[in-house]
């Protein structure tokens, strides 16, 4: 019997938690409960949450046996191994490596330089003006998207690598969602935008959207 996820620690606007929401929906896996950690209020720094994840970040899984899993790519790989169907990695080993490389560009090159703690450091410690901070974000997002566009420019199918979603799409969609929120101009990446448009209509991706999460504030 597959290990059960007791608690999923999430935040509606976290792109890394967004990745896990998509994967859970694709796999048809429902955690016993979801605990919402408000990053803007600093709840990730509470002593209680640091007992769960010393890195003070989401997402995290707490399993029934008390084991805690962190880091979104490691958690996605765990889901793939424990709940192998539907698969999120191609059977072909070369294509599988391409999917992982694509996901790594998002997870290691793009997301880390634009996450909340980096932006807070730019503002609070280095006194970077808001306009300059936005320029920083736009620069690194565009650089990353240019690489991603080139990686799938010759690929066929409605998703990044074929006609079924993979880890590549799971990482891409939240990153584009963030870029659109910060008004990054990404119309120059037609293949990425075509994948994003198609994936956003998929039920698993749609139900994982930030605005549909219980901890998303109601419009005022």
N, C-alpha and C. Protein backbone atom coordinates (compact mmCIF):
# COMPACT_ATOMS: atom_id res chain seq x y z
N UNK A 1 0.84 -1.20 0.00
CA UNK A 1 0.00 0.00 0.00
C UNK A 1 0.87 1.25 0.00
N UNK A 2 0.53 2.21 -0.86
CA UNK A 2 1.32 3.43 -0.98
C UNK A 2 1.24 4.25 0.30
N UNK A 3 2.34 4.89 0.72
CA UNK A 3 2.29 5.77 1.89
C UNK A 3 1.25 6.87 1.71
N UNK A 4 0.57 7.20 2.78
CA UNK A 4 -0.46 8.23 2.72
C UNK A 4 0.11 9.58 3.16
N UNK A 5 -0.31 10.61 2.48
CA UNK A 5 0.11 11.96 2.84
C UNK A 5 -0.86 12.48 3.90
N UNK A 6 -0.35 12.66 5.10
CA UNK A 6 -1.19 13.14 6.19
C UNK A 6 -1.49 14.63 6.02
N UNK A 7 -0.44 15.45 5.80
CA UNK A 7 -0.63 16.89 5.69
C UNK A 7 0.18 17.44 4.53
N UNK A 8 -0.45 18.26 3.74
CA UNK A 8 0.20 18.99 2.65
C UNK A 8 0.27 20.45 3.08
N UNK A 9 1.47 20.98 3.21
CA UNK A 9 1.66 22.38 3.60
C UNK A 9 1.78 23.21 2.32
N UNK A 10 0.91 24.19 2.19
CA UNK A 10 0.79 24.92 0.93
C UNK A 10 0.55 26.40 1.20
N UNK A 11 0.66 27.18 0.15
CA UNK A 11 0.27 28.59 0.15
C UNK A 11 -0.22 28.89 -1.25
N UNK A 12 -1.34 29.55 -1.37
CA UNK A 12 -2.00 29.67 -2.68
C UNK A 12 -1.12 30.30 -3.75
N UNK A 13 -0.25 31.23 -3.37
CA UNK A 13 0.53 31.96 -4.36
C UNK A 13 1.95 31.41 -4.53
N UNK A 14 2.30 30.40 -3.79
CA UNK A 14 3.62 29.79 -3.95
C UNK A 14 3.65 28.97 -5.23
N UNK A 15 4.59 29.30 -6.12
CA UNK A 15 4.66 28.54 -7.38
C UNK A 15 5.13 27.12 -7.15
N UNK A 16 5.93 26.91 -6.11
CA UNK A 16 6.38 25.55 -5.83
C UNK A 16 5.25 24.69 -5.27
N UNK A 17 4.42 25.27 -4.40
CA UNK A 17 3.24 24.54 -3.92
C UNK A 17 2.25 24.31 -5.06
N UNK A 18 2.16 25.26 -5.98
CA UNK A 18 1.32 25.15 -7.17
C UNK A 18 1.71 23.91 -7.96
N UNK A 19 3.03 23.68 -8.10
CA UNK A 19 3.50 22.49 -8.82
C UNK A 19 2.94 21.22 -8.18
N UNK A 20 3.00 21.16 -6.85
CA UNK A 20 2.52 19.95 -6.17
C UNK A 20 1.02 19.80 -6.28
N UNK A 21 0.27 20.90 -6.26
CA UNK A 21 -1.19 20.81 -6.42
C UNK A 21 -1.54 20.21 -7.78
N UNK A 22 -0.81 20.63 -8.81
CA UNK A 22 -1.05 20.07 -10.15
C UNK A 22 -0.76 18.57 -10.15
N UNK A 23 0.40 18.20 -9.63
CA UNK A 23 0.80 16.78 -9.64
C UNK A 23 -0.17 15.92 -8.85
N UNK A 24 -0.58 16.39 -7.68
CA UNK A 24 -1.54 15.63 -6.87
C UNK A 24 -2.84 15.42 -7.63
N UNK A 25 -3.30 16.48 -8.32
CA UNK A 25 -4.54 16.37 -9.09
C UNK A 25 -4.39 15.40 -10.26
N UNK A 26 -3.25 15.46 -10.93
CA UNK A 26 -3.00 14.54 -12.05
C UNK A 26 -2.97 13.10 -11.57
N UNK A 27 -2.37 12.87 -10.42
CA UNK A 27 -2.24 11.51 -9.88
C UNK A 27 -3.51 11.04 -9.18
N UNK A 28 -4.42 11.97 -8.90
CA UNK A 28 -5.63 11.60 -8.17
C UNK A 28 -5.34 11.28 -6.72
N UNK A 29 -4.33 11.95 -6.15
CA UNK A 29 -3.93 11.73 -4.77
C UNK A 29 -4.44 12.90 -3.92
N UNK A 30 -5.14 12.60 -2.84
CA UNK A 30 -5.69 13.64 -1.97
C UNK A 30 -5.09 13.51 -0.58
N UNK A 31 -4.32 14.51 -0.13
CA UNK A 31 -3.81 14.47 1.24
C UNK A 31 -4.96 14.46 2.24
N UNK A 32 -4.71 13.91 3.41
CA UNK A 32 -5.76 13.87 4.42
C UNK A 32 -6.17 15.28 4.85
N UNK A 33 -5.21 16.19 4.87
CA UNK A 33 -5.53 17.58 5.18
C UNK A 33 -4.51 18.48 4.49
N UNK A 34 -4.90 19.72 4.28
CA UNK A 34 -3.98 20.73 3.76
C UNK A 34 -3.88 21.85 4.78
N UNK A 35 -2.66 22.18 5.14
CA UNK A 35 -2.40 23.26 6.08
C UNK A 35 -1.85 24.44 5.28
N UNK A 36 -2.48 25.58 5.43
CA UNK A 36 -2.10 26.76 4.65
C UNK A 36 -1.17 27.64 5.47
N UNK A 37 0.01 27.89 4.90
CA UNK A 37 1.05 28.68 5.57
C UNK A 37 1.14 30.02 4.85
N UNK A 38 0.73 31.08 5.51
CA UNK A 38 0.70 32.40 4.88
C UNK A 38 2.12 32.99 4.86
N UNK A 39 2.72 32.98 3.68
CA UNK A 39 4.10 33.44 3.55
C UNK A 39 4.21 34.95 3.74
N UNK A 40 3.21 35.69 3.31
CA UNK A 40 3.27 37.15 3.45
C UNK A 40 3.20 37.57 4.92
N UNK A 41 2.52 36.79 5.73
CA UNK A 41 2.43 37.08 7.17
C UNK A 41 3.60 36.49 7.95
N UNK A 42 4.47 35.77 7.25
CA UNK A 42 5.64 35.21 7.90
C UNK A 42 5.40 33.96 8.71
N UNK A 43 4.28 33.28 8.46
CA UNK A 43 3.96 32.08 9.25
C UNK A 43 4.98 30.96 9.05
N UNK A 44 5.71 31.02 7.94
CA UNK A 44 6.73 30.00 7.67
C UNK A 44 7.89 30.09 8.65
N UNK A 45 8.02 31.23 9.32
CA UNK A 45 9.12 31.43 10.26
C UNK A 45 8.75 31.08 11.70
N UNK A 46 7.51 30.67 11.91
CA UNK A 46 7.09 30.32 13.27
C UNK A 46 7.84 29.09 13.75
N UNK A 47 8.03 28.99 15.06
CA UNK A 47 8.73 27.85 15.62
C UNK A 47 7.99 26.55 15.30
N UNK A 48 6.67 26.62 15.32
CA UNK A 48 5.86 25.44 15.02
C UNK A 48 6.13 24.93 13.61
N UNK A 49 6.17 25.86 12.63
CA UNK A 49 6.39 25.40 11.25
C UNK A 49 7.84 24.99 11.02
N UNK A 50 8.77 25.63 11.70
CA UNK A 50 10.17 25.24 11.53
C UNK A 50 10.42 23.82 12.04
N UNK A 51 9.55 23.35 12.91
CA UNK A 51 9.65 21.95 13.33
C UNK A 51 9.29 21.02 12.18
N UNK A 52 8.46 21.51 11.28
CA UNK A 52 8.08 20.75 10.08
C UNK A 52 9.16 20.89 9.02
N UNK A 53 9.51 22.13 8.69
CA UNK A 53 10.50 22.39 7.65
C UNK A 53 11.46 23.46 8.12
N UNK A 54 12.65 23.08 8.55
CA UNK A 54 13.63 24.05 9.03
C UNK A 54 14.00 25.12 8.01
N UNK A 55 13.76 24.85 6.73
CA UNK A 55 14.06 25.83 5.70
C UNK A 55 13.02 26.95 5.64
N UNK A 56 11.95 26.81 6.42
CA UNK A 56 10.90 27.83 6.47
C UNK A 56 10.35 28.13 5.08
N UNK A 57 9.95 27.08 4.39
CA UNK A 57 9.43 27.22 3.03
C UNK A 57 8.34 26.18 2.79
N UNK A 58 7.50 26.47 1.84
CA UNK A 58 6.53 25.49 1.35
C UNK A 58 6.94 25.14 -0.07
N UNK A 59 6.51 23.95 -0.53
CA UNK A 59 5.59 22.99 0.07
C UNK A 59 6.33 21.99 0.97
N UNK A 60 5.52 21.20 1.67
CA UNK A 60 6.04 20.07 2.44
C UNK A 60 4.93 19.04 2.56
N UNK A 61 5.33 17.79 2.61
CA UNK A 61 4.41 16.69 2.90
C UNK A 61 4.79 16.10 4.26
N UNK A 62 3.82 15.90 5.11
CA UNK A 62 4.04 15.08 6.30
C UNK A 62 3.29 13.78 6.08
N UNK A 63 4.01 12.66 6.12
CA UNK A 63 3.40 11.36 5.90
C UNK A 63 2.82 10.83 7.20
N UNK A 64 2.03 9.77 7.09
CA UNK A 64 1.37 9.21 8.27
C UNK A 64 2.36 8.73 9.33
N UNK A 65 3.55 8.31 8.89
CA UNK A 65 4.54 7.82 9.85
C UNK A 65 5.36 8.95 10.47
N UNK A 66 5.02 10.21 10.13
CA UNK A 66 5.72 11.35 10.68
C UNK A 66 6.87 11.86 9.83
N UNK A 67 7.24 11.11 8.79
CA UNK A 67 8.30 11.55 7.90
C UNK A 67 7.85 12.80 7.15
N UNK A 68 8.77 13.76 6.98
CA UNK A 68 8.45 14.99 6.26
C UNK A 68 9.29 15.06 5.00
N UNK A 69 8.65 15.37 3.90
CA UNK A 69 9.33 15.56 2.61
C UNK A 69 9.25 17.03 2.23
N UNK A 70 10.37 17.58 1.72
CA UNK A 70 10.42 18.97 1.30
C UNK A 70 11.11 19.07 -0.06
N UNK A 71 11.16 20.28 -0.58
CA UNK A 71 11.73 20.60 -1.89
C UNK A 71 10.86 20.03 -3.00
N UNK A 72 10.27 20.92 -3.79
CA UNK A 72 9.21 20.52 -4.73
C UNK A 72 9.65 19.48 -5.75
N UNK A 73 10.85 19.59 -6.32
CA UNK A 73 11.26 18.59 -7.32
C UNK A 73 11.45 17.22 -6.68
N UNK A 74 12.01 17.18 -5.48
CA UNK A 74 12.16 15.91 -4.79
C UNK A 74 10.79 15.32 -4.46
N UNK A 75 9.84 16.17 -4.08
CA UNK A 75 8.49 15.71 -3.76
C UNK A 75 7.79 15.19 -5.02
N UNK A 76 8.00 15.87 -6.14
CA UNK A 76 7.42 15.42 -7.40
C UNK A 76 7.98 14.07 -7.81
N UNK A 77 9.28 13.89 -7.64
CA UNK A 77 9.91 12.60 -7.97
C UNK A 77 9.36 11.50 -7.04
N UNK A 78 9.17 11.83 -5.77
CA UNK A 78 8.61 10.86 -4.82
C UNK A 78 7.21 10.45 -5.25
N UNK A 79 6.39 11.43 -5.62
CA UNK A 79 5.04 11.11 -6.10
C UNK A 79 5.09 10.19 -7.31
N UNK A 80 6.01 10.48 -8.21
CA UNK A 80 6.14 9.66 -9.42
C UNK A 80 6.53 8.23 -9.08
N UNK A 81 7.39 8.06 -8.09
CA UNK A 81 7.84 6.72 -7.72
C UNK A 81 6.77 5.94 -6.94
N UNK A 82 6.06 6.64 -6.07
CA UNK A 82 5.09 5.97 -5.19
C UNK A 82 3.73 5.82 -5.87
N UNK A 83 3.37 6.78 -6.70
CA UNK A 83 2.11 6.75 -7.45
C UNK A 83 2.45 6.86 -8.93
N UNK A 84 2.90 5.77 -9.55
CA UNK A 84 3.47 5.86 -10.89
C UNK A 84 2.49 6.13 -12.03
N UNK A 85 1.20 6.03 -11.76
CA UNK A 85 0.23 6.26 -12.83
C UNK A 85 -0.74 7.39 -12.46
N UNK A 86 -1.01 8.26 -13.41
CA UNK A 86 -0.38 8.40 -14.73
C UNK A 86 1.05 8.95 -14.59
N UNK A 87 1.91 8.50 -15.47
CA UNK A 87 3.31 8.87 -15.37
C UNK A 87 3.53 10.34 -15.73
N UNK A 88 4.48 10.95 -15.05
CA UNK A 88 4.85 12.34 -15.32
C UNK A 88 6.21 12.43 -16.00
N UNK A 89 6.79 11.27 -16.31
CA UNK A 89 8.06 11.22 -17.00
C UNK A 89 7.95 10.26 -18.19
N UNK A 90 8.48 10.65 -19.35
CA UNK A 90 8.40 9.77 -20.53
C UNK A 90 9.16 8.47 -20.30
N UNK A 91 8.78 7.45 -21.04
CA UNK A 91 9.47 6.16 -20.96
C UNK A 91 10.86 6.25 -21.58
N UNK A 92 10.97 6.95 -22.70
CA UNK A 92 12.25 7.10 -23.38
C UNK A 92 13.23 7.85 -22.49
N UNK A 93 14.43 7.28 -22.29
CA UNK A 93 15.35 7.87 -21.31
C UNK A 93 15.92 9.22 -21.76
N UNK A 94 16.10 9.42 -23.05
CA UNK A 94 16.57 10.71 -23.55
C UNK A 94 15.51 11.78 -23.33
N UNK A 95 14.28 11.46 -23.68
CA UNK A 95 13.18 12.41 -23.49
C UNK A 95 12.97 12.70 -22.01
N UNK A 96 13.15 11.67 -21.19
CA UNK A 96 13.01 11.85 -19.74
C UNK A 96 14.06 12.85 -19.24
N UNK A 97 15.27 12.74 -19.76
CA UNK A 97 16.33 13.67 -19.37
C UNK A 97 16.01 15.09 -19.82
N UNK A 98 15.40 15.22 -21.00
CA UNK A 98 15.02 16.54 -21.49
C UNK A 98 13.95 17.17 -20.60
N UNK A 99 13.00 16.36 -20.17
CA UNK A 99 11.95 16.85 -19.28
C UNK A 99 12.55 17.33 -17.97
N UNK A 100 13.45 16.54 -17.42
CA UNK A 100 14.08 16.92 -16.15
C UNK A 100 14.92 18.19 -16.32
N UNK A 101 15.61 18.31 -17.45
CA UNK A 101 16.43 19.51 -17.69
C UNK A 101 15.55 20.75 -17.78
N UNK A 102 14.42 20.62 -18.46
CA UNK A 102 13.48 21.73 -18.59
C UNK A 102 12.98 22.15 -17.20
N UNK A 103 12.58 21.16 -16.41
CA UNK A 103 12.09 21.45 -15.05
C UNK A 103 13.18 22.10 -14.21
N UNK A 104 14.43 21.68 -14.40
CA UNK A 104 15.53 22.23 -13.63
C UNK A 104 15.78 23.70 -13.97
N UNK A 105 15.60 24.08 -15.22
CA UNK A 105 15.78 25.49 -15.58
C UNK A 105 14.82 26.36 -14.78
N UNK A 106 13.57 25.91 -14.69
CA UNK A 106 12.58 26.65 -13.90
C UNK A 106 12.95 26.63 -12.42
N UNK A 107 13.24 25.45 -11.90
CA UNK A 107 13.39 25.27 -10.46
C UNK A 107 14.73 25.76 -9.91
N UNK A 108 15.77 25.75 -10.73
CA UNK A 108 17.09 26.13 -10.22
C UNK A 108 17.64 27.42 -10.79
N UNK A 109 17.22 27.79 -12.00
CA UNK A 109 17.73 29.02 -12.61
C UNK A 109 16.78 30.21 -12.48
N UNK A 110 15.48 29.96 -12.54
CA UNK A 110 14.52 31.06 -12.57
C UNK A 110 13.91 31.35 -11.21
N UNK A 111 13.30 30.34 -10.62
CA UNK A 111 12.56 30.56 -9.38
C UNK A 111 13.42 31.07 -8.21
N UNK A 112 14.61 30.51 -7.96
CA UNK A 112 15.35 30.92 -6.76
C UNK A 112 15.71 32.40 -6.72
N UNK A 113 16.00 33.02 -7.86
CA UNK A 113 16.42 34.43 -7.84
C UNK A 113 15.25 35.39 -7.72
N UNK A 114 14.04 34.86 -7.81
CA UNK A 114 12.85 35.73 -7.75
C UNK A 114 11.89 35.33 -6.64
N UNK A 115 12.33 34.47 -5.73
CA UNK A 115 11.38 34.06 -4.69
C UNK A 115 11.28 35.13 -3.60
N UNK A 116 10.36 34.93 -2.68
CA UNK A 116 9.99 35.97 -1.73
C UNK A 116 11.16 36.42 -0.86
N UNK A 117 11.97 35.48 -0.39
CA UNK A 117 13.04 35.89 0.52
C UNK A 117 14.11 36.70 -0.18
N UNK A 118 14.34 36.42 -1.48
CA UNK A 118 15.30 37.23 -2.25
C UNK A 118 14.75 38.63 -2.44
N UNK A 119 13.47 38.73 -2.79
CA UNK A 119 12.86 40.04 -3.01
C UNK A 119 12.84 40.85 -1.72
N UNK A 120 12.57 40.17 -0.59
CA UNK A 120 12.59 40.86 0.70
C UNK A 120 14.00 41.38 1.02
N UNK A 121 15.01 40.59 0.69
CA UNK A 121 16.39 41.01 0.95
C UNK A 121 16.75 42.23 0.09
N UNK A 122 16.34 42.20 -1.17
CA UNK A 122 16.60 43.34 -2.05
C UNK A 122 15.98 44.61 -1.49
N UNK A 123 14.75 44.48 -0.97
CA UNK A 123 14.04 45.65 -0.46
C UNK A 123 14.53 46.08 0.92
N UNK A 124 14.59 45.12 1.83
CA UNK A 124 14.83 45.47 3.24
C UNK A 124 16.29 45.63 3.61
N UNK A 125 17.17 44.91 2.96
CA UNK A 125 18.59 44.96 3.32
C UNK A 125 19.42 45.81 2.36
N UNK A 126 19.11 45.73 1.08
CA UNK A 126 19.88 46.47 0.09
C UNK A 126 19.21 47.77 -0.35
N UNK A 127 18.00 48.01 0.16
CA UNK A 127 17.25 49.23 -0.15
C UNK A 127 17.06 49.45 -1.65
N UNK A 128 16.83 48.35 -2.36
CA UNK A 128 16.59 48.43 -3.80
C UNK A 128 15.20 49.02 -4.05
N UNK A 129 15.09 50.07 -4.85
CA UNK A 129 13.77 50.66 -5.14
C UNK A 129 12.85 49.65 -5.83
N UNK A 130 11.55 49.87 -5.71
CA UNK A 130 10.58 48.94 -6.28
C UNK A 130 10.76 48.78 -7.78
N UNK A 131 11.01 49.88 -8.47
CA UNK A 131 11.18 49.81 -9.93
C UNK A 131 12.37 48.94 -10.31
N UNK A 132 13.48 49.11 -9.59
CA UNK A 132 14.67 48.31 -9.87
C UNK A 132 14.43 46.84 -9.54
N UNK A 133 13.67 46.59 -8.48
CA UNK A 133 13.35 45.21 -8.11
C UNK A 133 12.52 44.54 -9.21
N UNK A 134 11.58 45.29 -9.79
CA UNK A 134 10.78 44.75 -10.88
C UNK A 134 11.66 44.47 -12.11
N UNK A 135 12.63 45.35 -12.35
CA UNK A 135 13.55 45.13 -13.47
C UNK A 135 14.35 43.85 -13.26
N UNK A 136 14.76 43.62 -12.02
CA UNK A 136 15.49 42.40 -11.66
C UNK A 136 14.64 41.18 -11.99
N UNK A 137 13.39 41.17 -11.55
CA UNK A 137 12.50 40.03 -11.76
C UNK A 137 12.27 39.80 -13.25
N UNK A 138 11.97 40.86 -13.97
CA UNK A 138 11.68 40.74 -15.40
C UNK A 138 12.90 40.20 -16.15
N UNK A 139 14.07 40.70 -15.78
CA UNK A 139 15.29 40.27 -16.47
C UNK A 139 15.49 38.76 -16.35
N UNK A 140 15.42 38.23 -15.11
CA UNK A 140 15.70 36.81 -14.91
C UNK A 140 14.59 35.92 -15.45
N UNK A 141 13.36 36.41 -15.41
CA UNK A 141 12.28 35.62 -16.01
C UNK A 141 12.44 35.53 -17.52
N UNK A 142 12.72 36.67 -18.15
CA UNK A 142 12.87 36.64 -19.61
C UNK A 142 14.06 35.78 -20.03
N UNK A 143 15.17 35.87 -19.30
CA UNK A 143 16.33 35.04 -19.62
C UNK A 143 15.96 33.55 -19.55
N UNK A 144 15.24 33.19 -18.51
CA UNK A 144 14.85 31.80 -18.35
C UNK A 144 13.87 31.34 -19.41
N UNK A 145 12.88 32.18 -19.70
CA UNK A 145 11.88 31.81 -20.70
C UNK A 145 12.51 31.65 -22.08
N UNK A 146 13.51 32.46 -22.39
CA UNK A 146 14.19 32.33 -23.68
C UNK A 146 14.85 30.95 -23.80
N UNK A 147 15.45 30.49 -22.72
CA UNK A 147 16.06 29.16 -22.72
C UNK A 147 14.99 28.09 -22.87
N UNK A 148 13.91 28.22 -22.10
CA UNK A 148 12.83 27.22 -22.17
C UNK A 148 12.21 27.16 -23.56
N UNK A 149 12.01 28.32 -24.17
CA UNK A 149 11.43 28.35 -25.53
C UNK A 149 12.31 27.57 -26.49
N UNK A 150 13.63 27.77 -26.39
CA UNK A 150 14.54 27.06 -27.30
C UNK A 150 14.54 25.56 -27.04
N UNK A 151 14.28 25.16 -25.81
CA UNK A 151 14.32 23.74 -25.45
C UNK A 151 13.15 22.95 -26.02
N UNK A 152 12.03 23.64 -26.29
CA UNK A 152 10.86 22.91 -26.80
C UNK A 152 10.41 23.41 -28.17
N UNK A 153 11.20 24.29 -28.78
CA UNK A 153 10.80 24.88 -30.07
C UNK A 153 10.55 23.81 -31.13
N UNK A 154 11.33 22.75 -31.11
CA UNK A 154 11.20 21.71 -32.14
C UNK A 154 10.34 20.54 -31.68
N UNK A 155 9.83 20.58 -30.45
CA UNK A 155 9.02 19.48 -29.94
C UNK A 155 7.60 19.55 -30.49
N UNK A 156 6.99 18.40 -30.64
CA UNK A 156 5.63 18.32 -31.14
C UNK A 156 4.68 18.00 -29.99
N UNK A 157 3.43 18.35 -30.16
CA UNK A 157 2.43 18.03 -29.16
C UNK A 157 1.89 19.28 -28.49
N UNK A 158 0.82 19.08 -27.71
CA UNK A 158 0.14 20.20 -27.07
C UNK A 158 0.78 20.60 -25.75
N UNK A 159 1.55 19.68 -25.16
CA UNK A 159 2.29 20.00 -23.96
C UNK A 159 3.76 20.19 -24.33
N UNK A 160 4.61 20.40 -23.34
CA UNK A 160 6.01 20.69 -23.64
C UNK A 160 6.68 19.57 -24.44
N UNK A 161 6.41 18.33 -24.02
CA UNK A 161 7.03 17.18 -24.68
C UNK A 161 5.96 16.13 -24.98
N UNK A 162 5.19 16.38 -26.01
CA UNK A 162 4.16 15.43 -26.41
C UNK A 162 2.76 15.89 -26.04
N UNK A 163 1.84 14.94 -26.01
CA UNK A 163 0.43 15.25 -25.81
C UNK A 163 -0.08 14.93 -24.41
N UNK A 164 0.82 14.59 -23.50
CA UNK A 164 0.43 14.37 -22.11
C UNK A 164 1.32 15.21 -21.21
N UNK A 165 0.80 15.66 -20.08
CA UNK A 165 1.59 16.52 -19.19
C UNK A 165 2.72 15.76 -18.51
N UNK A 166 3.81 16.47 -18.31
CA UNK A 166 4.99 15.92 -17.63
C UNK A 166 5.45 16.91 -16.55
N UNK A 167 6.55 16.56 -15.89
CA UNK A 167 7.13 17.48 -14.92
C UNK A 167 7.46 18.83 -15.54
N UNK A 168 7.75 18.85 -16.82
CA UNK A 168 8.07 20.11 -17.50
C UNK A 168 6.88 21.06 -17.44
N UNK A 169 5.70 20.57 -17.78
CA UNK A 169 4.50 21.40 -17.76
C UNK A 169 4.12 21.81 -16.34
N UNK A 170 4.33 20.88 -15.41
CA UNK A 170 4.02 21.16 -14.00
C UNK A 170 4.86 22.31 -13.48
N UNK A 171 6.10 22.42 -13.94
CA UNK A 171 6.96 23.53 -13.52
C UNK A 171 6.71 24.79 -14.34
N UNK A 172 6.38 24.63 -15.61
CA UNK A 172 6.20 25.79 -16.49
C UNK A 172 4.98 26.62 -16.13
N UNK A 173 3.84 25.98 -15.93
CA UNK A 173 2.59 26.72 -15.74
C UNK A 173 2.64 27.69 -14.56
N UNK A 174 3.09 27.28 -13.37
CA UNK A 174 3.17 28.25 -12.28
C UNK A 174 4.14 29.40 -12.56
N UNK A 175 5.22 29.11 -13.31
CA UNK A 175 6.20 30.16 -13.60
C UNK A 175 5.60 31.20 -14.55
N UNK A 176 4.84 30.75 -15.54
CA UNK A 176 4.20 31.71 -16.44
C UNK A 176 3.10 32.46 -15.70
N UNK A 177 2.37 31.77 -14.84
CA UNK A 177 1.35 32.45 -14.04
C UNK A 177 1.96 33.61 -13.27
N UNK A 178 3.12 33.38 -12.64
CA UNK A 178 3.80 34.44 -11.90
C UNK A 178 4.24 35.57 -12.83
N UNK A 179 4.77 35.19 -13.99
CA UNK A 179 5.24 36.21 -14.93
C UNK A 179 4.09 37.11 -15.38
N UNK A 180 2.95 36.54 -15.66
CA UNK A 180 1.79 37.33 -16.06
C UNK A 180 1.33 38.23 -14.91
N UNK A 181 1.42 37.73 -13.70
CA UNK A 181 1.02 38.53 -12.54
C UNK A 181 1.90 39.77 -12.40
N UNK A 182 3.17 39.62 -12.75
CA UNK A 182 4.10 40.74 -12.65
C UNK A 182 4.30 41.46 -13.98
N UNK A 183 3.41 41.18 -14.93
CA UNK A 183 3.35 41.88 -16.22
C UNK A 183 4.65 41.77 -17.01
N UNK A 184 5.25 40.58 -16.95
CA UNK A 184 6.41 40.30 -17.79
C UNK A 184 5.93 40.06 -19.22
N UNK A 185 6.57 40.66 -20.18
CA UNK A 185 6.17 40.49 -21.58
C UNK A 185 6.72 39.16 -22.09
N UNK A 186 5.82 38.22 -22.30
CA UNK A 186 6.28 36.89 -22.73
C UNK A 186 5.61 36.45 -24.04
N UNK A 187 5.04 37.40 -24.76
CA UNK A 187 4.42 37.05 -26.05
C UNK A 187 5.46 36.64 -27.08
N UNK A 188 6.73 36.92 -26.81
CA UNK A 188 7.80 36.53 -27.74
C UNK A 188 8.18 35.06 -27.59
N UNK A 189 7.47 34.34 -26.73
CA UNK A 189 7.73 32.91 -26.53
C UNK A 189 6.47 32.14 -26.90
N UNK A 190 6.18 32.05 -28.21
CA UNK A 190 4.90 31.48 -28.66
C UNK A 190 4.69 30.02 -28.28
N UNK A 191 5.75 29.23 -28.29
CA UNK A 191 5.59 27.81 -27.95
C UNK A 191 5.22 27.66 -26.47
N UNK A 192 5.89 28.41 -25.62
CA UNK A 192 5.57 28.37 -24.19
C UNK A 192 4.14 28.81 -23.93
N UNK A 193 3.73 29.88 -24.60
CA UNK A 193 2.39 30.40 -24.36
C UNK A 193 1.32 29.45 -24.88
N UNK A 194 1.62 28.74 -25.98
CA UNK A 194 0.67 27.76 -26.51
C UNK A 194 0.49 26.61 -25.51
N UNK A 195 1.60 26.17 -24.92
CA UNK A 195 1.52 25.10 -23.91
C UNK A 195 0.76 25.59 -22.70
N UNK A 196 1.07 26.79 -22.25
CA UNK A 196 0.39 27.36 -21.07
C UNK A 196 -1.12 27.46 -21.31
N UNK A 197 -1.51 27.93 -22.48
CA UNK A 197 -2.93 28.08 -22.79
C UNK A 197 -3.63 26.72 -22.78
N UNK A 198 -2.98 25.72 -23.38
CA UNK A 198 -3.59 24.39 -23.43
C UNK A 198 -3.64 23.76 -22.05
N UNK A 199 -2.53 23.83 -21.33
CA UNK A 199 -2.47 23.20 -20.01
C UNK A 199 -3.47 23.82 -19.04
N UNK A 200 -3.68 25.12 -19.15
CA UNK A 200 -4.58 25.81 -18.23
C UNK A 200 -6.01 25.32 -18.35
N UNK A 201 -6.34 24.69 -19.48
CA UNK A 201 -7.69 24.15 -19.68
C UNK A 201 -7.83 22.73 -19.15
N UNK A 202 -6.71 22.10 -18.84
CA UNK A 202 -6.73 20.73 -18.31
C UNK A 202 -7.30 20.77 -16.89
N UNK A 203 -8.21 19.88 -16.54
CA UNK A 203 -8.85 19.94 -15.21
C UNK A 203 -7.87 19.95 -14.04
N UNK A 204 -6.81 19.17 -14.12
CA UNK A 204 -5.86 19.12 -13.00
C UNK A 204 -5.13 20.44 -12.82
N UNK A 205 -4.76 21.06 -13.93
CA UNK A 205 -4.09 22.35 -13.86
C UNK A 205 -5.07 23.44 -13.43
N UNK A 206 -6.30 23.37 -13.95
CA UNK A 206 -7.29 24.39 -13.63
C UNK A 206 -7.64 24.40 -12.15
N UNK A 207 -7.83 23.23 -11.56
CA UNK A 207 -8.23 23.18 -10.15
C UNK A 207 -7.09 23.55 -9.21
N UNK A 208 -5.86 23.52 -9.72
CA UNK A 208 -4.70 23.88 -8.90
C UNK A 208 -4.41 25.37 -8.93
N UNK A 209 -5.13 26.14 -9.74
CA UNK A 209 -4.86 27.56 -9.90
C UNK A 209 -4.94 28.30 -8.56
N UNK A 210 -4.07 29.27 -8.34
CA UNK A 210 -4.04 29.99 -7.06
C UNK A 210 -5.37 30.58 -6.63
N UNK A 211 -6.10 31.17 -7.56
CA UNK A 211 -7.34 31.85 -7.19
C UNK A 211 -8.45 30.90 -6.75
N UNK A 212 -8.26 29.60 -6.96
CA UNK A 212 -9.27 28.62 -6.55
C UNK A 212 -8.94 27.96 -5.21
N UNK A 213 -7.85 28.38 -4.59
CA UNK A 213 -7.44 27.75 -3.34
C UNK A 213 -8.17 28.38 -2.14
N UNK A 214 -8.49 27.58 -1.13
CA UNK A 214 -9.23 28.09 0.02
C UNK A 214 -8.56 29.25 0.75
N UNK A 215 -7.22 29.32 0.68
CA UNK A 215 -6.53 30.40 1.38
C UNK A 215 -6.33 31.64 0.53
N UNK A 216 -6.87 31.63 -0.70
CA UNK A 216 -6.79 32.83 -1.54
C UNK A 216 -7.79 33.85 -1.02
N UNK A 217 -7.36 35.06 -0.72
CA UNK A 217 -8.29 36.08 -0.21
C UNK A 217 -9.40 36.37 -1.20
N UNK A 218 -10.58 36.63 -0.69
CA UNK A 218 -11.72 36.98 -1.53
C UNK A 218 -11.49 38.37 -2.13
N UNK A 219 -11.89 38.58 -3.38
CA UNK A 219 -11.75 39.91 -3.98
C UNK A 219 -12.51 40.95 -3.17
N UNK A 220 -11.90 42.12 -3.04
CA UNK A 220 -12.56 43.19 -2.29
C UNK A 220 -13.16 44.21 -3.23
